[in-house]
Amino acid sequence: MTLRNATVLFASLWLCLAATFSARAHPHEFVEMKIGIVFDKAGKAAAMRYWWRFDEFFSAFALETAPTGADGQPTQAGIDAVLVEILGNIHGNAYFTRFDENAGPVPPMAKANAGDAVFENRQLTVSFTVPFKEPFALAGKKFAYAIYDKDFYIAMNHSTDADAIEMVGAPKGCEAKIDAADPSEDIASFAASLGRDESAEGDLGIHFAEWVTVSCP
């Protein structure tokens, strides 16, 4: 899975970097994320708000063709256009979001609404909100999700900041818990053995996914 144009984006990037950096070992791209669970006025879960910060290499490549200003930096219009392109390319992949049907509801997701896009300290940071098609009540219930790339070409991990998961407008007592990934040594070694042009069959990324459980009393 990719953030711009499937395999082409990352393959092109790593061909460019191969002379300097080893291209072996999954993952090849890194995303730091913060997530907000947004509740409506009726106390129902209504949307997920995403904040992603990309690594320097992906950021540079994603903005390579963006128009620049007099200072040589990408223009805001160009940065905003990259966010729109990213969202268009990952819509069909549910924004890398999977729900655990054994843990609770699996809410259908609508099309994302673009938020802010910022290029600062050589890193691209984007935000967007994905509404649920139908808000759902969580009183006495829970649901669980993970955000990850099935191919583990991209490592997607929550920020270590205290606000990595934010409950926005949630009823009193609602909370979210992050369960860290715990891949076996064999799985980790297998992922490390994969080159940039190789992929594993099945769902390799699930072994490295951080699952979040949201619950309300």
N, C-alpha and C. Protein backbone atom coordinates (compact mmCIF):
# COMPACT_ATOMS: atom_id res chain seq x y z
N MET A 1 0.85 -1.19 0.00
CA MET A 1 0.00 0.00 0.00
C MET A 1 0.88 1.24 0.00
N THR A 2 0.38 2.32 -0.55
CA THR A 2 1.16 3.53 -0.61
C THR A 2 0.32 4.73 -0.27
N LEU A 3 0.97 5.88 -0.24
CA LEU A 3 0.26 7.10 0.08
C LEU A 3 0.07 7.98 -1.15
N ARG A 4 0.78 7.73 -2.23
CA ARG A 4 0.51 8.49 -3.46
C ARG A 4 0.04 7.58 -4.57
N ASN A 5 0.91 6.82 -5.14
CA ASN A 5 0.51 6.07 -6.33
C ASN A 5 1.00 4.64 -6.25
N ALA A 6 0.47 3.93 -5.25
CA ALA A 6 0.78 2.53 -5.02
C ALA A 6 2.28 2.30 -5.06
N THR A 7 2.72 1.19 -5.69
CA THR A 7 4.11 0.79 -5.60
C THR A 7 5.05 1.82 -6.21
N VAL A 8 4.59 2.56 -7.19
CA VAL A 8 5.46 3.46 -7.93
C VAL A 8 6.13 4.47 -7.03
N LEU A 9 5.37 5.05 -6.11
CA LEU A 9 5.91 6.10 -5.26
C LEU A 9 7.08 5.61 -4.44
N PHE A 10 6.86 4.54 -3.68
CA PHE A 10 7.91 4.09 -2.78
C PHE A 10 9.06 3.44 -3.53
N ALA A 11 8.77 2.71 -4.58
CA ALA A 11 9.84 2.10 -5.35
C ALA A 11 10.74 3.17 -5.95
N SER A 12 10.13 4.22 -6.48
CA SER A 12 10.92 5.31 -7.05
C SER A 12 11.77 5.99 -6.00
N LEU A 13 11.17 6.23 -4.85
CA LEU A 13 11.89 6.89 -3.77
C LEU A 13 13.09 6.08 -3.36
N TRP A 14 12.91 4.79 -3.17
CA TRP A 14 14.02 3.98 -2.66
C TRP A 14 15.05 3.67 -3.72
N LEU A 15 14.69 3.70 -4.99
CA LEU A 15 15.70 3.62 -6.03
C LEU A 15 16.62 4.82 -5.97
N CYS A 16 16.03 5.98 -5.67
CA CYS A 16 16.83 7.20 -5.56
C CYS A 16 17.77 7.16 -4.35
N LEU A 17 17.30 6.53 -3.28
CA LEU A 17 18.07 6.53 -2.04
C LEU A 17 19.01 5.34 -1.91
N ALA A 18 18.89 4.37 -2.79
CA ALA A 18 19.62 3.12 -2.62
C ALA A 18 21.13 3.32 -2.61
N ALA A 19 21.61 4.33 -3.32
CA ALA A 19 23.05 4.54 -3.36
C ALA A 19 23.60 4.98 -2.01
N THR A 20 22.74 5.49 -1.16
CA THR A 20 23.19 6.00 0.14
C THR A 20 22.73 5.15 1.29
N PHE A 21 21.50 4.64 1.22
CA PHE A 21 20.91 3.89 2.32
C PHE A 21 20.53 2.49 1.87
N SER A 22 20.62 1.53 2.77
CA SER A 22 20.18 0.18 2.47
C SER A 22 18.67 0.18 2.27
N ALA A 23 18.22 -0.43 1.17
CA ALA A 23 16.79 -0.48 0.89
C ALA A 23 16.17 -1.79 1.36
N ARG A 24 16.95 -2.63 1.99
CA ARG A 24 16.42 -3.89 2.48
C ARG A 24 15.73 -3.65 3.82
N ALA A 25 14.86 -4.56 4.14
CA ALA A 25 14.15 -4.60 5.42
C ALA A 25 12.91 -3.72 5.42
N HIS A 26 11.77 -4.36 5.58
CA HIS A 26 10.52 -3.62 5.82
C HIS A 26 10.52 -3.15 7.27
N PRO A 27 9.98 -1.99 7.59
CA PRO A 27 9.31 -1.04 6.70
C PRO A 27 10.28 -0.08 6.03
N HIS A 28 9.78 0.66 5.04
CA HIS A 28 10.59 1.63 4.31
C HIS A 28 10.12 3.06 4.53
N GLU A 29 8.93 3.23 5.03
CA GLU A 29 8.39 4.56 5.32
C GLU A 29 7.83 4.56 6.74
N PHE A 30 7.79 5.76 7.34
CA PHE A 30 7.41 5.84 8.74
C PHE A 30 6.42 6.99 8.96
N VAL A 31 5.35 6.67 9.67
CA VAL A 31 4.33 7.66 9.98
C VAL A 31 4.10 7.69 11.49
N GLU A 32 4.22 8.86 12.06
CA GLU A 32 3.85 9.09 13.47
C GLU A 32 2.43 9.63 13.46
N MET A 33 1.57 9.10 14.32
CA MET A 33 0.18 9.53 14.24
C MET A 33 -0.44 9.85 15.60
N LYS A 34 -1.43 10.72 15.53
CA LYS A 34 -2.32 11.00 16.65
C LYS A 34 -3.75 10.88 16.12
N ILE A 35 -4.64 10.35 16.93
CA ILE A 35 -6.00 10.10 16.48
C ILE A 35 -6.99 10.69 17.48
N GLY A 36 -8.03 11.30 16.95
CA GLY A 36 -9.11 11.80 17.78
C GLY A 36 -10.38 11.03 17.49
N ILE A 37 -11.06 10.56 18.52
CA ILE A 37 -12.38 9.94 18.36
C ILE A 37 -13.39 11.04 18.65
N VAL A 38 -14.16 11.41 17.65
CA VAL A 38 -15.04 12.58 17.73
C VAL A 38 -16.47 12.12 18.01
N PHE A 39 -17.07 12.69 19.04
CA PHE A 39 -18.46 12.37 19.41
C PHE A 39 -19.36 13.55 19.04
N ASP A 40 -20.60 13.25 18.68
CA ASP A 40 -21.54 14.31 18.36
C ASP A 40 -22.26 14.78 19.62
N LYS A 41 -23.17 15.71 19.46
CA LYS A 41 -23.86 16.29 20.62
C LYS A 41 -24.73 15.28 21.35
N ALA A 42 -25.11 14.21 20.67
CA ALA A 42 -25.93 13.16 21.30
C ALA A 42 -25.06 12.13 22.02
N GLY A 43 -23.74 12.35 22.00
CA GLY A 43 -22.84 11.43 22.68
C GLY A 43 -22.50 10.19 21.87
N LYS A 44 -22.79 10.21 20.58
CA LYS A 44 -22.47 9.08 19.72
C LYS A 44 -21.13 9.28 19.03
N ALA A 45 -20.41 8.18 18.81
CA ALA A 45 -19.16 8.26 18.05
C ALA A 45 -19.50 8.62 16.61
N ALA A 46 -18.92 9.72 16.12
CA ALA A 46 -19.34 10.26 14.83
C ALA A 46 -18.24 10.32 13.79
N ALA A 47 -16.97 10.30 14.22
CA ALA A 47 -15.89 10.45 13.25
C ALA A 47 -14.55 10.10 13.89
N MET A 48 -13.56 9.94 13.03
CA MET A 48 -12.18 9.81 13.49
C MET A 48 -11.36 10.93 12.87
N ARG A 49 -10.57 11.57 13.69
CA ARG A 49 -9.72 12.66 13.24
C ARG A 49 -8.27 12.18 13.23
N TYR A 50 -7.62 12.30 12.10
CA TYR A 50 -6.27 11.77 11.90
C TYR A 50 -5.25 12.91 11.85
N TRP A 51 -4.12 12.68 12.47
CA TRP A 51 -2.95 13.58 12.39
C TRP A 51 -1.76 12.69 12.10
N TRP A 52 -1.16 12.88 10.94
CA TRP A 52 -0.02 12.05 10.53
C TRP A 52 1.19 12.92 10.23
N ARG A 53 2.35 12.51 10.74
CA ARG A 53 3.61 13.19 10.39
C ARG A 53 4.51 12.17 9.70
N PHE A 54 4.92 12.48 8.48
CA PHE A 54 5.71 11.57 7.68
C PHE A 54 7.21 11.78 7.92
N ASP A 55 7.99 10.75 7.64
CA ASP A 55 9.43 10.88 7.77
C ASP A 55 9.98 11.83 6.71
N GLU A 56 11.22 12.25 6.90
CA GLU A 56 11.81 13.26 6.03
C GLU A 56 11.91 12.81 4.58
N PHE A 57 12.23 11.53 4.37
CA PHE A 57 12.44 11.06 3.00
C PHE A 57 11.14 11.04 2.21
N PHE A 58 10.08 10.50 2.83
CA PHE A 58 8.80 10.52 2.13
C PHE A 58 8.35 11.96 1.92
N SER A 59 8.53 12.80 2.93
CA SER A 59 8.10 14.20 2.81
C SER A 59 8.76 14.88 1.63
N ALA A 60 10.08 14.68 1.48
CA ALA A 60 10.81 15.31 0.38
C ALA A 60 10.31 14.80 -0.96
N PHE A 61 10.08 13.51 -1.06
CA PHE A 61 9.64 12.96 -2.33
C PHE A 61 8.22 13.38 -2.66
N ALA A 62 7.34 13.38 -1.66
CA ALA A 62 5.95 13.74 -1.91
C ALA A 62 5.82 15.17 -2.41
N LEU A 63 6.73 16.04 -1.96
CA LEU A 63 6.65 17.45 -2.30
C LEU A 63 7.61 17.84 -3.43
N GLU A 64 8.25 16.85 -4.02
CA GLU A 64 9.28 17.12 -5.03
C GLU A 64 8.77 17.95 -6.19
N THR A 65 7.54 17.68 -6.62
CA THR A 65 7.00 18.40 -7.78
C THR A 65 6.07 19.55 -7.38
N ALA A 66 5.94 19.81 -6.10
CA ALA A 66 5.07 20.91 -5.66
C ALA A 66 5.69 22.25 -6.06
N PRO A 67 4.87 23.22 -6.44
CA PRO A 67 5.41 24.54 -6.77
C PRO A 67 6.08 25.17 -5.56
N THR A 68 7.11 25.96 -5.81
CA THR A 68 7.86 26.60 -4.73
C THR A 68 7.73 28.12 -4.82
N GLY A 69 7.94 28.76 -3.68
CA GLY A 69 7.92 30.21 -3.62
C GLY A 69 9.30 30.79 -3.80
N ALA A 70 9.42 32.09 -3.55
CA ALA A 70 10.69 32.79 -3.70
C ALA A 70 11.75 32.24 -2.76
N ASP A 71 11.32 31.66 -1.64
CA ASP A 71 12.27 31.11 -0.67
C ASP A 71 12.69 29.68 -1.00
N GLY A 72 12.18 29.15 -2.10
CA GLY A 72 12.55 27.81 -2.50
C GLY A 72 11.78 26.70 -1.80
N GLN A 73 10.87 27.08 -0.92
CA GLN A 73 10.08 26.11 -0.18
C GLN A 73 8.74 25.88 -0.88
N PRO A 74 8.15 24.70 -0.69
CA PRO A 74 6.85 24.44 -1.32
C PRO A 74 5.82 25.47 -0.89
N THR A 75 4.98 25.89 -1.83
CA THR A 75 3.92 26.83 -1.49
C THR A 75 2.84 26.10 -0.70
N GLN A 76 2.04 26.86 0.04
CA GLN A 76 0.97 26.23 0.80
C GLN A 76 -0.04 25.56 -0.13
N ALA A 77 -0.29 26.18 -1.26
CA ALA A 77 -1.21 25.57 -2.22
C ALA A 77 -0.68 24.22 -2.69
N GLY A 78 0.62 24.14 -2.91
CA GLY A 78 1.22 22.88 -3.33
C GLY A 78 1.15 21.82 -2.25
N ILE A 79 1.38 22.23 -1.01
CA ILE A 79 1.30 21.29 0.12
C ILE A 79 -0.13 20.79 0.28
N ASP A 80 -1.09 21.71 0.17
CA ASP A 80 -2.50 21.32 0.29
C ASP A 80 -2.89 20.33 -0.81
N ALA A 81 -2.35 20.53 -2.00
CA ALA A 81 -2.67 19.64 -3.12
C ALA A 81 -2.14 18.23 -2.87
N VAL A 82 -1.00 18.12 -2.21
CA VAL A 82 -0.45 16.80 -1.88
C VAL A 82 -1.38 16.08 -0.91
N LEU A 83 -1.91 16.79 0.08
CA LEU A 83 -2.86 16.17 1.01
C LEU A 83 -4.08 15.64 0.26
N VAL A 84 -4.63 16.43 -0.65
CA VAL A 84 -5.79 15.99 -1.42
C VAL A 84 -5.45 14.74 -2.22
N GLU A 85 -4.25 14.71 -2.79
CA GLU A 85 -3.83 13.55 -3.57
C GLU A 85 -3.69 12.31 -2.69
N ILE A 86 -3.08 12.48 -1.52
CA ILE A 86 -2.94 11.37 -0.59
C ILE A 86 -4.30 10.79 -0.22
N LEU A 87 -5.22 11.66 0.14
CA LEU A 87 -6.55 11.19 0.56
C LEU A 87 -7.26 10.47 -0.57
N GLY A 88 -7.10 10.95 -1.79
CA GLY A 88 -7.72 10.28 -2.91
C GLY A 88 -7.18 8.88 -3.13
N ASN A 89 -5.89 8.70 -2.86
CA ASN A 89 -5.25 7.42 -3.10
C ASN A 89 -5.50 6.41 -1.99
N ILE A 90 -5.79 6.86 -0.79
CA ILE A 90 -5.97 5.89 0.31
C ILE A 90 -7.44 5.71 0.69
N HIS A 91 -8.33 6.42 0.02
CA HIS A 91 -9.76 6.26 0.31
C HIS A 91 -10.20 4.82 0.12
N GLY A 92 -9.77 4.20 -0.96
CA GLY A 92 -10.17 2.83 -1.24
C GLY A 92 -9.59 1.82 -0.28
N ASN A 93 -8.61 2.23 0.50
CA ASN A 93 -8.00 1.36 1.50
C ASN A 93 -8.48 1.72 2.91
N ALA A 94 -9.61 2.42 2.98
CA ALA A 94 -10.21 2.81 4.26
C ALA A 94 -9.24 3.58 5.14
N TYR A 95 -8.36 4.35 4.50
CA TYR A 95 -7.42 5.20 5.24
C TYR A 95 -6.55 4.35 6.18
N PHE A 96 -6.24 3.12 5.74
CA PHE A 96 -5.41 2.18 6.48
C PHE A 96 -6.04 1.75 7.81
N THR A 97 -7.33 1.97 7.97
CA THR A 97 -8.00 1.70 9.24
C THR A 97 -8.76 0.38 9.18
N ARG A 98 -8.50 -0.49 10.15
CA ARG A 98 -9.21 -1.77 10.26
C ARG A 98 -9.92 -1.82 11.61
N PHE A 99 -11.10 -2.41 11.62
CA PHE A 99 -11.87 -2.58 12.86
C PHE A 99 -11.95 -4.06 13.20
N ASP A 100 -11.95 -4.34 14.49
CA ASP A 100 -12.05 -5.72 14.99
C ASP A 100 -13.52 -6.05 15.18
N GLU A 101 -14.06 -6.86 14.27
CA GLU A 101 -15.49 -7.17 14.33
C GLU A 101 -15.85 -8.01 15.55
N ASN A 102 -14.85 -8.64 16.17
CA ASN A 102 -15.11 -9.45 17.37
C ASN A 102 -15.14 -8.61 18.64
N ALA A 103 -14.70 -7.35 18.53
CA ALA A 103 -14.63 -6.48 19.71
C ALA A 103 -15.80 -5.51 19.81
N GLY A 104 -16.51 -5.30 18.70
CA GLY A 104 -17.59 -4.32 18.73
C GLY A 104 -17.99 -3.91 17.33
N PRO A 105 -18.63 -2.76 17.18
CA PRO A 105 -19.13 -2.31 15.88
C PRO A 105 -18.00 -2.12 14.86
N VAL A 106 -18.34 -2.32 13.60
CA VAL A 106 -17.44 -2.02 12.49
C VAL A 106 -18.12 -0.91 11.69
N PRO A 107 -17.87 0.34 12.03
CA PRO A 107 -18.63 1.44 11.40
C PRO A 107 -18.17 1.73 9.98
N PRO A 108 -19.08 1.75 9.01
CA PRO A 108 -18.72 2.17 7.66
C PRO A 108 -18.22 3.61 7.67
N MET A 109 -17.19 3.87 6.87
CA MET A 109 -16.57 5.19 6.87
C MET A 109 -16.93 5.95 5.61
N ALA A 110 -17.19 7.25 5.77
CA ALA A 110 -17.48 8.11 4.63
C ALA A 110 -16.18 8.66 4.06
N LYS A 111 -16.28 9.55 3.12
CA LYS A 111 -15.12 10.16 2.50
C LYS A 111 -14.49 11.18 3.44
N ALA A 112 -13.17 11.23 3.44
CA ALA A 112 -12.44 12.12 4.36
C ALA A 112 -12.63 13.59 3.99
N ASN A 113 -12.59 14.41 5.01
CA ASN A 113 -12.54 15.87 4.85
C ASN A 113 -11.12 16.33 5.15
N ALA A 114 -10.49 16.97 4.19
CA ALA A 114 -9.12 17.42 4.37
C ALA A 114 -9.04 18.48 5.46
N GLY A 115 -7.97 18.42 6.24
CA GLY A 115 -7.71 19.42 7.27
C GLY A 115 -6.50 20.25 6.89
N ASP A 116 -5.55 20.33 7.79
CA ASP A 116 -4.35 21.13 7.56
C ASP A 116 -3.23 20.27 6.98
N ALA A 117 -2.35 20.92 6.24
CA ALA A 117 -1.13 20.30 5.74
C ALA A 117 0.01 21.29 5.98
N VAL A 118 1.07 20.82 6.63
CA VAL A 118 2.17 21.70 7.02
C VAL A 118 3.49 21.02 6.68
N PHE A 119 4.42 21.77 6.12
CA PHE A 119 5.78 21.29 5.89
C PHE A 119 6.71 22.09 6.78
N GLU A 120 7.25 21.44 7.79
CA GLU A 120 8.06 22.13 8.78
C GLU A 120 9.16 21.19 9.27
N ASN A 121 10.35 21.72 9.44
CA ASN A 121 11.50 20.91 9.86
C ASN A 121 11.69 19.70 8.96
N ARG A 122 11.47 19.91 7.67
CA ARG A 122 11.67 18.90 6.62
C ARG A 122 10.69 17.74 6.70
N GLN A 123 9.60 17.91 7.46
CA GLN A 123 8.61 16.85 7.56
C GLN A 123 7.23 17.38 7.20
N LEU A 124 6.51 16.55 6.45
CA LEU A 124 5.14 16.87 6.07
C LEU A 124 4.19 16.32 7.13
N THR A 125 3.32 17.17 7.64
CA THR A 125 2.30 16.76 8.61
C THR A 125 0.94 17.10 8.03
N VAL A 126 0.03 16.13 8.07
CA VAL A 126 -1.31 16.35 7.53
C VAL A 126 -2.36 15.96 8.56
N SER A 127 -3.52 16.53 8.42
CA SER A 127 -4.65 16.14 9.26
C SER A 127 -5.90 16.05 8.40
N PHE A 128 -6.78 15.15 8.77
CA PHE A 128 -8.04 14.98 8.05
C PHE A 128 -9.02 14.26 8.97
N THR A 129 -10.28 14.39 8.66
CA THR A 129 -11.34 13.78 9.46
C THR A 129 -12.18 12.87 8.58
N VAL A 130 -12.45 11.67 9.09
CA VAL A 130 -13.27 10.71 8.37
C VAL A 130 -14.54 10.46 9.18
N PRO A 131 -15.69 10.95 8.72
CA PRO A 131 -16.95 10.70 9.44
C PRO A 131 -17.37 9.24 9.29
N PHE A 132 -18.05 8.74 10.30
CA PHE A 132 -18.74 7.47 10.14
C PHE A 132 -20.03 7.75 9.38
N LYS A 133 -20.43 6.83 8.53
CA LYS A 133 -21.65 7.06 7.76
C LYS A 133 -22.86 7.19 8.66
N GLU A 134 -22.84 6.48 9.78
CA GLU A 134 -23.91 6.59 10.78
C GLU A 134 -23.27 6.64 12.16
N PRO A 135 -23.43 7.76 12.90
CA PRO A 135 -22.91 7.79 14.28
C PRO A 135 -23.53 6.65 15.08
N PHE A 136 -22.78 6.12 16.04
CA PHE A 136 -23.29 5.00 16.83
C PHE A 136 -23.03 5.22 18.31
N ALA A 137 -23.97 4.72 19.12
CA ALA A 137 -23.86 4.87 20.57
C ALA A 137 -22.84 3.88 21.13
N LEU A 138 -22.08 4.35 22.12
CA LEU A 138 -21.07 3.50 22.74
C LEU A 138 -21.35 3.25 24.22
N ALA A 139 -22.47 3.72 24.72
CA ALA A 139 -22.78 3.54 26.14
C ALA A 139 -22.79 2.04 26.47
N GLY A 140 -21.92 1.65 27.40
CA GLY A 140 -21.83 0.25 27.79
C GLY A 140 -21.20 -0.64 26.74
N LYS A 141 -20.57 -0.04 25.74
CA LYS A 141 -19.98 -0.82 24.65
C LYS A 141 -18.54 -0.40 24.40
N LYS A 142 -17.94 -1.02 23.41
CA LYS A 142 -16.60 -0.67 22.99
C LYS A 142 -16.42 -1.01 21.51
N PHE A 143 -15.41 -0.43 20.91
CA PHE A 143 -14.99 -0.86 19.58
C PHE A 143 -13.47 -0.77 19.51
N ALA A 144 -12.90 -1.53 18.60
CA ALA A 144 -11.43 -1.58 18.51
C ALA A 144 -11.01 -1.40 17.06
N TYR A 145 -9.93 -0.66 16.88
CA TYR A 145 -9.41 -0.42 15.54
C TYR A 145 -7.89 -0.39 15.57
N ALA A 146 -7.32 -0.56 14.41
CA ALA A 146 -5.88 -0.38 14.22
C ALA A 146 -5.67 0.34 12.90
N ILE A 147 -4.61 1.11 12.80
CA ILE A 147 -4.26 1.82 11.58
C ILE A 147 -2.89 1.32 11.15
N TYR A 148 -2.87 0.58 10.05
CA TYR A 148 -1.59 -0.01 9.64
C TYR A 148 -1.63 -0.39 8.17
N ASP A 149 -0.45 -0.58 7.60
CA ASP A 149 -0.29 -1.03 6.22
C ASP A 149 -0.15 -2.55 6.22
N LYS A 150 -1.03 -3.24 5.52
CA LYS A 150 -1.03 -4.70 5.52
C LYS A 150 0.30 -5.27 5.03
N ASP A 151 0.95 -4.57 4.11
CA ASP A 151 2.24 -5.05 3.59
C ASP A 151 3.41 -4.70 4.49
N PHE A 152 3.17 -3.87 5.50
CA PHE A 152 4.22 -3.36 6.39
C PHE A 152 5.33 -2.66 5.62
N TYR A 153 4.98 -2.10 4.47
CA TYR A 153 5.92 -1.22 3.77
C TYR A 153 6.03 0.09 4.54
N ILE A 154 4.94 0.45 5.18
CA ILE A 154 4.89 1.67 5.99
C ILE A 154 4.68 1.27 7.44
N ALA A 155 5.51 1.78 8.33
CA ALA A 155 5.30 1.61 9.77
C ALA A 155 4.47 2.78 10.27
N MET A 156 3.36 2.48 10.93
CA MET A 156 2.45 3.52 11.41
C MET A 156 2.29 3.34 12.91
N ASN A 157 2.85 4.28 13.66
CA ASN A 157 2.86 4.17 15.12
C ASN A 157 2.35 5.43 15.77
N HIS A 158 1.67 5.24 16.91
CA HIS A 158 1.16 6.39 17.65
C HIS A 158 2.31 7.20 18.25
N SER A 159 2.08 8.48 18.34
CA SER A 159 3.02 9.37 19.01
C SER A 159 3.17 8.97 20.47
N THR A 160 4.32 9.27 21.03
CA THR A 160 4.52 9.02 22.46
C THR A 160 3.99 10.18 23.31
N ASP A 161 3.44 11.22 22.66
CA ASP A 161 2.86 12.34 23.40
C ASP A 161 1.60 11.89 24.14
N ALA A 162 1.25 12.63 25.17
CA ALA A 162 0.09 12.29 25.99
C ALA A 162 -1.21 12.36 25.21
N ASP A 163 -1.24 13.16 24.14
CA ASP A 163 -2.47 13.33 23.37
C ASP A 163 -2.49 12.44 22.12
N ALA A 164 -1.82 11.30 22.16
CA ALA A 164 -1.80 10.40 21.00
C ALA A 164 -3.20 9.94 20.63
N ILE A 165 -4.05 9.75 21.63
CA ILE A 165 -5.46 9.44 21.41
C ILE A 165 -6.27 10.46 22.19
N GLU A 166 -7.12 11.18 21.49
CA GLU A 166 -7.94 12.22 22.13
C GLU A 166 -9.42 11.88 21.96
N MET A 167 -10.16 11.99 23.04
CA MET A 167 -11.60 11.78 23.01
C MET A 167 -12.26 13.14 22.91
N VAL A 168 -12.81 13.45 21.76
CA VAL A 168 -13.31 14.79 21.47
C VAL A 168 -14.82 14.83 21.69
N GLY A 169 -15.24 15.57 22.72
CA GLY A 169 -16.66 15.69 23.02
C GLY A 169 -17.27 14.41 23.55
N ALA A 170 -16.46 13.55 24.13
CA ALA A 170 -16.94 12.24 24.60
C ALA A 170 -17.73 12.36 25.88
N PRO A 171 -18.72 11.49 26.09
CA PRO A 171 -19.42 11.44 27.37
C PRO A 171 -18.44 11.11 28.50
N LYS A 172 -18.79 11.51 29.69
CA LYS A 172 -17.92 11.29 30.84
C LYS A 172 -17.63 9.80 31.03
N GLY A 173 -16.36 9.51 31.27
CA GLY A 173 -15.96 8.14 31.53
C GLY A 173 -15.49 7.36 30.33
N CYS A 174 -15.69 7.88 29.13
CA CYS A 174 -15.20 7.19 27.94
C CYS A 174 -13.66 7.25 27.90
N GLU A 175 -13.05 6.20 27.44
CA GLU A 175 -11.59 6.16 27.42
C GLU A 175 -11.10 5.32 26.24
N ALA A 176 -9.81 5.49 25.95
CA ALA A 176 -9.17 4.72 24.89
C ALA A 176 -7.88 4.12 25.42
N LYS A 177 -7.61 2.91 25.03
CA LYS A 177 -6.41 2.19 25.46
C LYS A 177 -5.65 1.68 24.23
N ILE A 178 -4.34 1.95 24.20
CA ILE A 178 -3.49 1.49 23.11
C ILE A 178 -2.76 0.22 23.56
N ASP A 179 -2.88 -0.82 22.75
CA ASP A 179 -2.13 -2.06 22.98
C ASP A 179 -0.96 -2.10 22.00
N ALA A 180 0.24 -2.14 22.55
CA ALA A 180 1.44 -2.13 21.71
C ALA A 180 1.54 -3.42 20.90
N ALA A 181 2.17 -3.31 19.75
CA ALA A 181 2.41 -4.49 18.92
C ALA A 181 3.44 -5.39 19.60
N ASP A 182 3.30 -6.68 19.35
CA ASP A 182 4.23 -7.64 19.96
C ASP A 182 4.53 -8.77 18.96
N PRO A 183 5.22 -8.43 17.86
CA PRO A 183 5.51 -9.46 16.86
C PRO A 183 6.52 -10.47 17.39
N SER A 184 6.40 -11.69 16.95
CA SER A 184 7.37 -12.71 17.34
C SER A 184 8.72 -12.42 16.69
N GLU A 185 9.77 -13.03 17.22
CA GLU A 185 11.10 -12.84 16.64
C GLU A 185 11.14 -13.33 15.20
N ASP A 186 10.43 -14.41 14.92
CA ASP A 186 10.42 -14.96 13.56
C ASP A 186 9.77 -13.98 12.60
N ILE A 187 8.65 -13.39 13.01
CA ILE A 187 7.96 -12.43 12.14
C ILE A 187 8.82 -11.19 11.93
N ALA A 188 9.43 -10.69 12.99
CA ALA A 188 10.28 -9.50 12.87
C ALA A 188 11.46 -9.78 11.94
N SER A 189 12.06 -10.96 12.07
CA SER A 189 13.19 -11.33 11.21
C SER A 189 12.75 -11.46 9.76
N PHE A 190 11.56 -12.04 9.56
CA PHE A 190 11.05 -12.18 8.19
C PHE A 190 10.83 -10.81 7.56
N ALA A 191 10.22 -9.89 8.30
CA ALA A 191 9.99 -8.54 7.77
C ALA A 191 11.31 -7.87 7.42
N ALA A 192 12.30 -8.07 8.28
CA ALA A 192 13.61 -7.45 8.05
C ALA A 192 14.31 -8.03 6.83
N SER A 193 13.90 -9.23 6.41
CA SER A 193 14.56 -9.88 5.27
C SER A 193 14.00 -9.43 3.94
N LEU A 194 12.87 -8.73 3.95
CA LEU A 194 12.21 -8.34 2.71
C LEU A 194 12.84 -7.09 2.11
N GLY A 195 13.16 -7.16 0.84
CA GLY A 195 13.69 -6.00 0.14
C GLY A 195 12.60 -5.08 -0.32
N ARG A 196 12.98 -3.97 -0.95
CA ARG A 196 12.00 -2.95 -1.33
C ARG A 196 11.02 -3.45 -2.38
N ASP A 197 11.43 -4.42 -3.19
CA ASP A 197 10.56 -4.92 -4.24
C ASP A 197 9.86 -6.21 -3.86
N GLU A 198 9.98 -6.61 -2.61
CA GLU A 198 9.37 -7.85 -2.14
C GLU A 198 8.20 -7.55 -1.22
N SER A 199 7.23 -8.45 -1.20
CA SER A 199 6.12 -8.32 -0.28
C SER A 199 5.72 -9.70 0.20
N ALA A 200 5.14 -9.74 1.38
CA ALA A 200 4.71 -11.00 1.96
C ALA A 200 3.27 -11.28 1.58
N GLU A 201 2.92 -12.54 1.47
CA GLU A 201 1.54 -12.90 1.26
C GLU A 201 0.76 -12.70 2.55
N GLY A 202 -0.52 -12.38 2.42
CA GLY A 202 -1.33 -12.23 3.62
C GLY A 202 -1.17 -10.87 4.26
N ASP A 203 -1.37 -10.83 5.56
CA ASP A 203 -1.42 -9.58 6.31
C ASP A 203 -0.23 -9.51 7.26
N LEU A 204 0.93 -9.14 6.72
CA LEU A 204 2.12 -9.02 7.56
C LEU A 204 1.98 -7.88 8.56
N GLY A 205 1.37 -6.78 8.12
CA GLY A 205 1.31 -5.58 8.96
C GLY A 205 0.57 -5.76 10.26
N ILE A 206 -0.38 -6.71 10.32
CA ILE A 206 -1.17 -6.87 11.53
C ILE A 206 -0.30 -7.24 12.73
N HIS A 207 0.82 -7.88 12.47
CA HIS A 207 1.71 -8.27 13.57
C HIS A 207 2.41 -7.06 14.20
N PHE A 208 2.44 -5.95 13.47
CA PHE A 208 3.12 -4.74 13.96
C PHE A 208 2.12 -3.62 14.26
N ALA A 209 0.84 -3.96 14.24
CA ALA A 209 -0.20 -2.95 14.43
C ALA A 209 -0.44 -2.67 15.91
N GLU A 210 -0.71 -1.40 16.20
CA GLU A 210 -1.10 -0.98 17.55
C GLU A 210 -2.62 -0.89 17.59
N TRP A 211 -3.25 -1.77 18.36
CA TRP A 211 -4.71 -1.78 18.44
C TRP A 211 -5.19 -0.83 19.54
N VAL A 212 -6.25 -0.11 19.24
CA VAL A 212 -6.83 0.84 20.18
C VAL A 212 -8.26 0.39 20.50
N THR A 213 -8.57 0.30 21.78
CA THR A 213 -9.92 -0.03 22.22
C THR A 213 -10.56 1.19 22.84
N VAL A 214 -11.71 1.56 22.32
CA VAL A 214 -12.47 2.72 22.83
C VAL A 214 -13.71 2.19 23.53
N SER A 215 -13.93 2.66 24.74
CA SER A 215 -15.08 2.18 25.51
C SER A 215 -15.73 3.30 26.30
N CYS A 216 -17.00 3.13 26.58
CA CYS A 216 -17.77 4.09 27.37
C CYS A 216 -18.59 3.34 28.42
N PRO A 217 -18.76 3.92 29.60
CA PRO A 217 -19.54 3.25 30.65
C PRO A 217 -21.04 3.26 30.33
